[in-house]
Amino acid sequence: MATHVHHKVTTALSLLTPVYLLIPSESSSCPIKIPTQVDQGAGVVISAMISLHSWIGLNYVITDYIPKISKSLMWPARIVSAGMALVTMIGLSKISLENDKGLRGLVVDGLWNPKKKE
């Protein structure tokens, strides 16, 4: 079941994320814009999908490699991976909801635009 969910989430992320990043938000100068609430909601949904995708993927890694070290580390490793996924979801959701440009602003402005020199 996890493999099925992982593949569906991967497909959804690969299709929805570019669409989300390309649709103009209210802060852009484009005449066609999506409302801030829709932008924030889409950011939270993408945050949840990223977290779920990474959690399932990390569980695959744990299943493959942790037993080679010690089988008693399986559950602690799974708890740590769940904690990491939870922190990722909370952090990305907070950025999506509280940042003035949302998750899109973090990705587009933060990663691809150079910092302005003062």
C-alpha atoms as a PDB file:
ATOM      1  CA  MET A   1       0.000   0.000   0.000  1.00  0.00           C
ATOM      2  CA  ALA A   2       2.858   2.405   0.819  1.00  0.00           C
ATOM      3  CA  THR A   3       4.338   1.905  -2.644  1.00  0.00           C
ATOM      4  CA  HIS A   4       0.986   2.719  -4.242  1.00  0.00           C
ATOM      5  CA  VAL A   5       0.595   5.887  -2.131  1.00  0.00           C
ATOM      6  CA  HIS A   6       4.223   6.867  -2.794  1.00  0.00           C
ATOM      7  CA  HIS A   7       3.742   6.575  -6.557  1.00  0.00           C
ATOM      8  CA  LYS A   8       0.491   8.581  -6.468  1.00  0.00           C
ATOM      9  CA  VAL A   9       2.089  11.328  -4.367  1.00  0.00           C
ATOM     10  CA  THR A  10       5.137  11.409  -6.649  1.00  0.00           C
ATOM     11  CA  THR A  11       2.916  11.785  -9.703  1.00  0.00           C
ATOM     12  CA  ALA A  12       0.807  14.464  -8.036  1.00  0.00           C
ATOM     13  CA  LEU A  13       3.896  16.408  -6.958  1.00  0.00           C
ATOM     14  CA  SER A  14       5.470  16.218 -10.397  1.00  0.00           C
ATOM     15  CA  LEU A  15       2.282  17.550 -12.014  1.00  0.00           C
ATOM     16  CA  LEU A  16       0.932  19.997  -9.430  1.00  0.00           C
ATOM     17  CA  THR A  17       4.137  21.703  -8.284  1.00  0.00           C
ATOM     18  CA  PRO A  18       5.057  23.223 -11.677  1.00  0.00           C
ATOM     19  CA  VAL A  19       1.461  24.346 -12.182  1.00  0.00           C
ATOM     20  CA  TYR A  20       1.435  25.911  -8.706  1.00  0.00           C
ATOM     21  CA  LEU A  21       4.720  27.713  -9.364  1.00  0.00           C
ATOM     22  CA  LEU A  22       3.631  29.021 -12.782  1.00  0.00           C
ATOM     23  CA  ILE A  23       0.180  30.385 -11.851  1.00  0.00           C
ATOM     24  CA  PRO A  24       0.556  34.054 -10.837  1.00  0.00           C
ATOM     25  CA  SER A  25      -0.307  35.038  -7.273  1.00  0.00           C
ATOM     26  CA  GLU A  26      -2.041  38.246  -6.159  1.00  0.00           C
ATOM     27  CA  SER A  27       1.304  39.948  -5.608  1.00  0.00           C
ATOM     28  CA  SER A  28       2.282  39.602  -9.290  1.00  0.00           C
ATOM     29  CA  SER A  29       1.543  42.119 -12.028  1.00  0.00           C
ATOM     30  CA  CYS A  30      -0.202  39.566 -14.262  1.00  0.00           C
ATOM     31  CA  PRO A  31      -3.923  40.307 -14.900  1.00  0.00           C
ATOM     32  CA  ILE A  32      -4.933  36.681 -14.151  1.00  0.00           C
ATOM     33  CA  LYS A  33      -4.286  35.912 -10.486  1.00  0.00           C
ATOM     34  CA  ILE A  34      -5.335  33.354  -7.918  1.00  0.00           C
ATOM     35  CA  PRO A  35      -6.613  34.530  -4.520  1.00  0.00           C
ATOM     36  CA  THR A  36      -4.273  34.438  -1.538  1.00  0.00           C
ATOM     37  CA  GLN A  37      -6.397  31.838   0.272  1.00  0.00           C
ATOM     38  CA  VAL A  38      -6.176  29.455  -2.681  1.00  0.00           C
ATOM     39  CA  ASP A  39      -2.432  30.090  -2.925  1.00  0.00           C
ATOM     40  CA  GLN A  40      -1.967  29.360   0.777  1.00  0.00           C
ATOM     41  CA  GLY A  41      -4.148  26.255   0.608  1.00  0.00           C
ATOM     42  CA  ALA A  42      -2.223  24.915  -2.368  1.00  0.00           C
ATOM     43  CA  GLY A  43       1.023  25.583  -0.498  1.00  0.00           C
ATOM     44  CA  VAL A  44      -0.184  23.597   2.514  1.00  0.00           C
ATOM     45  CA  VAL A  45      -1.314  20.707   0.297  1.00  0.00           C
ATOM     46  CA  ILE A  46       2.050  20.635  -1.473  1.00  0.00           C
ATOM     47  CA  SER A  47       3.805  20.813   1.914  1.00  0.00           C
ATOM     48  CA  ALA A  48       1.824  17.792   3.103  1.00  0.00           C
ATOM     49  CA  MET A  49       2.590  15.863  -0.087  1.00  0.00           C
ATOM     50  CA  ILE A  50       6.318  16.645   0.174  1.00  0.00           C
ATOM     51  CA  SER A  51       6.326  15.473   3.787  1.00  0.00           C
ATOM     52  CA  LEU A  52       4.409  12.274   2.991  1.00  0.00           C
ATOM     53  CA  HIS A  53       6.669  11.548   0.031  1.00  0.00           C
ATOM     54  CA  SER A  54       9.833  11.967   2.095  1.00  0.00           C
ATOM     55  CA  TRP A  55       8.439   9.968   5.030  1.00  0.00           C
ATOM     56  CA  ILE A  56       7.562   6.970   2.877  1.00  0.00           C
ATOM     57  CA  GLY A  57      10.890   7.200   1.034  1.00  0.00           C
ATOM     58  CA  LEU A  58      12.840   7.357   4.285  1.00  0.00           C
ATOM     59  CA  ASN A  59      10.966   4.307   5.547  1.00  0.00           C
ATOM     60  CA  TYR A  60      12.148   2.431   2.454  1.00  0.00           C
ATOM     61  CA  VAL A  61      15.716   3.439   3.258  1.00  0.00           C
ATOM     62  CA  ILE A  62      15.253   2.399   6.893  1.00  0.00           C
ATOM     63  CA  THR A  63      13.847  -0.984   5.848  1.00  0.00           C
ATOM     64  CA  ASP A  64      16.797  -1.590   3.527  1.00  0.00           C
ATOM     65  CA  TYR A  65      19.736  -0.369   5.595  1.00  0.00           C
ATOM     66  CA  ILE A  66      18.978  -0.211   9.337  1.00  0.00           C
ATOM     67  CA  PRO A  67      18.658  -4.023   9.816  1.00  0.00           C
ATOM     68  CA  LYS A  68      22.226  -4.349   8.531  1.00  0.00           C
ATOM     69  CA  ILE A  69      23.338  -2.265  11.522  1.00  0.00           C
ATOM     70  CA  SER A  70      20.901  -3.480  14.179  1.00  0.00           C
ATOM     71  CA  LYS A  71      17.300  -4.679  14.043  1.00  0.00           C
ATOM     72  CA  SER A  72      16.636  -3.012  17.391  1.00  0.00           C
ATOM     73  CA  LEU A  73      17.128   0.403  15.726  1.00  0.00           C
ATOM     74  CA  MET A  74      14.195  -0.046  13.343  1.00  0.00           C
ATOM     75  CA  TRP A  75      11.502   1.593  15.495  1.00  0.00           C
ATOM     76  CA  PRO A  76      13.679   4.462  16.751  1.00  0.00           C
ATOM     77  CA  ALA A  77      14.672   5.185  13.140  1.00  0.00           C
ATOM     78  CA  ARG A  78      11.025   5.144  12.056  1.00  0.00           C
ATOM     79  CA  ILE A  79      10.104   7.519  14.879  1.00  0.00           C
ATOM     80  CA  VAL A  80      12.909   9.878  13.855  1.00  0.00           C
ATOM     81  CA  SER A  81      11.772   9.791  10.211  1.00  0.00           C
ATOM     82  CA  ALA A  82       8.171  10.516  11.261  1.00  0.00           C
ATOM     83  CA  GLY A  83       9.418  13.421  13.374  1.00  0.00           C
ATOM     84  CA  MET A  84      11.409  14.784  10.449  1.00  0.00           C
ATOM     85  CA  ALA A  85       8.361  14.544   8.186  1.00  0.00           C
ATOM     86  CA  LEU A  86       6.216  16.310  10.790  1.00  0.00           C
ATOM     87  CA  VAL A  87       8.743  19.121  11.245  1.00  0.00           C
ATOM     88  CA  THR A  88       9.029  19.460   7.453  1.00  0.00           C
ATOM     89  CA  MET A  89       5.262  19.725   7.084  1.00  0.00           C
ATOM     90  CA  ILE A  90       4.912  22.236   9.909  1.00  0.00           C
ATOM     91  CA  GLY A  91       7.783  24.370   8.615  1.00  0.00           C
ATOM     92  CA  LEU A  92       6.672  24.438   4.986  1.00  0.00           C
ATOM     93  CA  SER A  93       3.039  25.022   6.008  1.00  0.00           C
ATOM     94  CA  LYS A  94       4.088  27.901   8.240  1.00  0.00           C
ATOM     95  CA  ILE A  95       6.024  29.445   5.358  1.00  0.00           C
ATOM     96  CA  SER A  96       3.035  28.932   3.079  1.00  0.00           C
ATOM     97  CA  LEU A  97       0.609  30.576   5.501  1.00  0.00           C
ATOM     98  CA  GLU A  98       2.671  33.340   7.104  1.00  0.00           C
ATOM     99  CA  ASN A  99       5.118  34.484   4.431  1.00  0.00           C
ATOM    100  CA  ASP A 100       3.767  37.331   2.323  1.00  0.00           C
ATOM    101  CA  LYS A 101       4.644  35.491  -0.905  1.00  0.00           C
ATOM    102  CA  GLY A 102       3.907  31.995   0.410  1.00  0.00           C
ATOM    103  CA  LEU A 103       5.677  28.825  -0.584  1.00  0.00           C
ATOM    104  CA  ARG A 104       5.992  30.071  -4.155  1.00  0.00           C
ATOM    105  CA  GLY A 105       7.924  33.126  -2.949  1.00  0.00           C
ATOM    106  CA  LEU A 106      10.343  30.935  -1.048  1.00  0.00           C
ATOM    107  CA  VAL A 107      11.009  28.710  -4.042  1.00  0.00           C
ATOM    108  CA  VAL A 108      11.025  31.247  -6.862  1.00  0.00           C
ATOM    109  CA  ASP A 109      12.392  34.363  -5.151  1.00  0.00           C
ATOM    110  CA  GLY A 110      14.597  32.607  -2.624  1.00  0.00           C
ATOM    111  CA  LEU A 111      16.280  30.092  -4.883  1.00  0.00           C
ATOM    112  CA  TRP A 112      16.438  31.637  -8.342  1.00  0.00           C
ATOM    113  CA  ASN A 113      16.708  35.354  -7.834  1.00  0.00           C
ATOM    114  CA  PRO A 114      20.129  36.647  -6.782  1.00  0.00           C
ATOM    115  CA  LYS A 115      20.416  38.669  -3.595  1.00  0.00           C
ATOM    116  CA  LYS A 116      20.447  42.391  -4.112  1.00  0.00           C
ATOM    117  CA  LYS A 117      23.663  44.096  -3.055  1.00  0.00           C
ATOM    118  CA  GLU A 118      23.228  47.095  -0.861  1.00  0.00           C
END
